[in-house]
């Protein structure tokens, strides 16, 4: 993570195949880089929460509006609340093992 200001997009989505492709495709079509992704199912397993680490950019508000229009997106917020999670994951990946295991 270079010297850019980052923000985390917290996205609640429908949990089924193809949703991640729709979300990331929106970024790809607009040449908006995603620095890191974390996605986990919510307790009910019908929904998932996606966290995208992105550079703060003048286009970010427009990206949020476009994302809210996607059929499987229920809610989108941008904040710096989860930056530490990405920093910790980056630090753990720079250790000897370089392997993350999900339960």
Protein backbone atom coordinates (compact mmCIF):
# COMPACT_ATOMS: atom_id res chain seq x y z
CA UNK A 1 0.00 0.00 0.00
CA UNK A 2 1.85 3.03 -1.30
CA UNK A 3 1.55 6.63 -0.18
CA UNK A 4 -2.02 7.07 -1.41
CA UNK A 5 -4.93 7.77 0.89
CA UNK A 6 -7.02 4.62 1.10
CA UNK A 7 -10.58 3.92 2.07
CA UNK A 8 -12.47 0.67 2.55
CA UNK A 9 -15.77 0.01 0.83
CA UNK A 10 -18.02 -2.13 3.01
CA UNK A 11 -20.52 -3.85 0.72
CA UNK A 12 -23.38 -6.13 1.78
CA UNK A 13 -24.37 -8.39 -1.11
CA UNK A 14 -26.49 -11.38 -2.01
CA UNK A 15 -24.37 -14.52 -1.54
CA UNK A 16 -24.42 -16.42 -4.81
CA UNK A 17 -22.06 -17.10 -7.73
CA UNK A 18 -21.27 -14.14 -9.96
CA UNK A 19 -21.82 -11.32 -7.47
CA UNK A 20 -18.10 -10.69 -6.94
CA UNK A 21 -17.64 -10.61 -10.72
CA UNK A 22 -20.38 -7.98 -11.06
CA UNK A 23 -18.88 -5.81 -8.32
CA UNK A 24 -15.29 -6.04 -9.54
CA UNK A 25 -16.41 -5.70 -13.16
CA UNK A 26 -17.85 -2.30 -12.34
CA UNK A 27 -14.40 -1.20 -11.15
CA UNK A 28 -12.66 -2.76 -14.13
CA UNK A 29 -14.90 -1.07 -16.70
CA UNK A 30 -14.12 2.31 -15.12
CA UNK A 31 -10.36 1.64 -14.77
CA UNK A 32 -10.65 2.05 -10.99
CA UNK A 33 -8.06 -0.09 -9.21
CA UNK A 34 -8.94 -2.33 -6.26
CA UNK A 35 -5.91 -2.71 -3.99
CA UNK A 36 -7.25 -5.62 -1.88
CA UNK A 37 -10.41 -7.69 -1.41
CA UNK A 38 -11.82 -9.54 1.57
CA UNK A 39 -15.15 -11.37 1.34
CA UNK A 40 -16.90 -13.47 3.97
CA UNK A 41 -20.43 -14.86 4.29
CA UNK A 42 -22.60 -13.25 6.94
CA UNK A 43 -24.03 -15.50 9.68
CA UNK A 44 -27.19 -16.30 7.69
CA UNK A 45 -25.10 -17.36 4.62
CA UNK A 46 -27.71 -15.74 2.35
CA UNK A 47 -25.60 -12.60 2.28
CA UNK A 48 -21.90 -11.83 2.19
CA UNK A 49 -19.86 -8.82 3.17
CA UNK A 50 -17.21 -7.63 0.75
CA UNK A 51 -14.51 -5.19 1.82
CA UNK A 52 -12.61 -3.49 -0.99
CA UNK A 53 -9.50 -1.46 -0.28
CA UNK A 54 -9.35 1.37 -2.81
CA UNK A 55 -7.46 4.60 -3.30
CA UNK A 56 -9.44 7.70 -2.45
CA UNK A 57 -10.20 9.29 -5.77
CA UNK A 58 -12.48 12.01 -7.11
CA UNK A 59 -14.47 9.27 -8.86
CA UNK A 60 -15.23 7.37 -5.65
CA UNK A 61 -18.65 8.97 -5.02
CA UNK A 62 -19.73 8.09 -8.55
CA UNK A 63 -18.50 4.51 -8.04
CA UNK A 64 -20.59 4.23 -4.87
CA UNK A 65 -23.69 5.46 -6.71
CA UNK A 66 -23.10 2.98 -9.53
CA UNK A 67 -22.51 0.11 -7.11
CA UNK A 68 -25.79 0.81 -5.30
CA UNK A 69 -27.57 0.22 -8.62
CA UNK A 70 -26.30 -3.36 -8.90
CA UNK A 71 -29.09 -5.88 -8.35
CA UNK A 72 -27.30 -7.98 -5.71
CA UNK A 73 -25.89 -5.08 -3.68
CA UNK A 74 -27.94 -4.25 -0.59
CA UNK A 75 -25.77 -1.61 1.04
CA UNK A 76 -22.48 0.21 0.40
CA UNK A 77 -20.50 2.45 2.74
CA UNK A 78 -17.04 3.95 2.51
CA UNK A 79 -14.93 4.41 5.63
CA UNK A 80 -11.47 4.06 7.07
CA UNK A 81 -12.75 1.83 9.89
CA UNK A 82 -11.33 -1.40 8.42
CA UNK A 83 -7.95 -0.10 7.22
CA UNK A 84 -6.23 -1.86 10.13
CA UNK A 85 -7.67 -5.21 9.03
CA UNK A 86 -5.98 -4.84 5.64
CA UNK A 87 -2.75 -3.63 7.26
CA UNK A 88 -2.75 -6.68 9.56
CA UNK A 89 -3.45 -9.06 6.66
CA UNK A 90 -0.63 -7.49 4.65
CA UNK A 91 1.73 -7.87 7.60
CA UNK A 92 0.73 -11.52 8.10
CA UNK A 93 1.30 -12.26 4.41
CA UNK A 94 4.82 -10.86 4.66
CA UNK A 95 5.77 -13.53 7.21
CA UNK A 96 7.52 -16.83 6.47
CA UNK A 97 4.46 -18.92 5.65
CA UNK A 98 2.65 -16.60 3.20
CA UNK A 99 -0.39 -18.87 3.56
CA UNK A 100 -3.80 -17.83 4.84
CA UNK A 101 -6.13 -20.65 5.85
CA UNK A 102 -9.87 -20.15 6.31
CA UNK A 103 -11.81 -22.37 8.69
